[in-house]
Amino acid sequence: MLVEFGARLNDIFAAAPRNIELLPFSPELTLDATHIGDIEIAYYSRDIWEGTEKSALSPAAQAFWRIIERAQNLQWMAVYSAGMDIQR
């Protein structure tokens, strides 16, 4: 997605009224508490989900959820087949 839409996303972010940064996910991604606290939006994409079974998350999904579970400022998360607002 980033390769296909990266330039367009950068244009949208540049026009935003505040600084927005895209943080590409990989299973090897490590973030400190400050950076995790900056996360407000997340996208649980099909490539992260792939390999997940009813009773077991894929390694990528495990890594994603370890980050998201600590993202105390998360406001919105899209799931490749649905979306939801999180109220804290």
Protein backbone atom coordinates (compact mmCIF):
# COMPACT_ATOMS: atom_id res chain seq x y z
CA MET A 1 0.00 0.00 0.00
CA LEU A 2 2.76 2.42 0.88
CA VAL A 3 4.47 1.91 -2.47
CA GLU A 4 1.22 2.37 -4.36
CA PHE A 5 -0.23 5.30 -2.39
CA GLY A 6 2.80 6.80 -0.61
CA ALA A 7 3.08 9.91 -2.78
CA ARG A 8 -0.64 10.67 -2.45
CA LEU A 9 -0.55 10.14 1.31
CA ASN A 10 2.40 12.52 1.61
CA ASP A 11 0.39 15.17 -0.29
CA ILE A 12 -2.56 14.69 2.07
CA PHE A 13 -0.33 14.85 5.15
CA ALA A 14 1.40 18.00 3.89
CA ALA A 15 -1.99 19.74 3.57
CA ALA A 16 -3.13 18.72 7.06
CA PRO A 17 -3.51 21.43 9.72
CA ARG A 18 -1.04 19.61 11.98
CA ASN A 19 1.96 17.33 11.56
CA ILE A 20 1.01 13.78 10.57
CA GLU A 21 3.60 11.05 10.22
CA LEU A 22 3.12 7.67 8.59
CA LEU A 23 4.77 4.86 10.51
CA PRO A 24 5.12 1.78 8.28
CA PHE A 25 4.66 -1.43 10.24
CA SER A 26 6.89 -4.47 10.07
CA PRO A 27 6.98 -7.37 12.55
CA GLU A 28 10.50 -6.23 13.53
CA LEU A 29 9.32 -2.71 14.43
CA THR A 30 10.28 -1.65 17.95
CA LEU A 31 9.07 1.58 19.52
CA ASP A 32 9.74 3.26 22.83
CA ALA A 33 6.87 4.38 25.07
CA THR A 34 6.97 7.96 23.71
CA HIS A 35 6.52 6.85 20.11
CA ILE A 36 3.81 4.35 21.03
CA GLY A 37 2.04 7.19 22.85
CA ASP A 38 2.04 9.20 19.61
CA ILE A 39 -0.05 6.59 17.78
CA GLU A 40 -3.60 7.84 17.21
CA ILE A 41 -4.64 5.82 14.15
CA ALA A 42 -3.82 2.26 13.12
CA TYR A 43 -4.63 0.03 10.17
CA TYR A 44 -4.79 -3.73 10.69
CA SER A 45 -4.18 -4.77 7.10
CA ARG A 46 -4.65 -8.11 5.44
CA ASP A 47 -0.91 -8.70 5.16
CA ILE A 48 -0.60 -8.45 8.97
CA TRP A 49 -3.63 -10.68 9.50
CA GLU A 50 -2.60 -13.40 6.99
CA GLY A 51 -1.66 -16.61 8.73
CA THR A 52 -3.91 -15.88 11.70
CA GLU A 53 -6.20 -18.73 12.66
CA LYS A 54 -9.18 -18.85 14.97
CA SER A 55 -7.03 -19.71 17.99
CA ALA A 56 -3.60 -18.34 16.98
CA LEU A 57 -2.36 -15.00 15.69
CA SER A 58 0.25 -14.86 12.96
CA PRO A 59 3.71 -13.61 14.07
CA ALA A 60 3.02 -10.28 12.34
CA ALA A 61 -0.35 -9.95 14.08
CA GLN A 62 1.25 -10.72 17.45
CA ALA A 63 3.81 -7.95 16.89
CA PHE A 64 1.10 -5.51 15.75
CA TRP A 65 -1.13 -6.15 18.78
CA ARG A 66 1.81 -5.85 21.21
CA ILE A 67 2.22 -2.28 19.95
CA ILE A 68 -1.49 -1.42 19.74
CA GLU A 69 -2.25 -2.72 23.23
CA ARG A 70 0.16 -0.08 24.59
CA ALA A 71 -1.03 2.79 22.34
CA GLN A 72 -2.91 4.75 25.01
CA ASN A 73 -3.78 7.59 22.61
CA LEU A 74 -5.23 5.39 19.88
CA GLN A 75 -8.46 7.00 18.66
CA TRP A 76 -9.33 5.05 15.54
CA MET A 77 -8.37 1.72 14.03
CA ALA A 78 -9.36 0.37 10.64
CA VAL A 79 -9.46 -3.33 10.04
CA TYR A 80 -9.11 -4.40 6.43
CA SER A 81 -12.72 -5.59 6.45
CA ALA A 82 -14.25 -3.17 9.00
CA GLY A 83 -13.62 0.01 11.03
CA MET A 84 -14.33 1.06 14.60
CA ASP A 85 -13.86 3.96 16.98
CA ILE A 86 -12.23 3.33 20.32
CA GLN A 87 -13.54 5.36 23.25
CA ARG A 88 -11.22 5.66 26.25
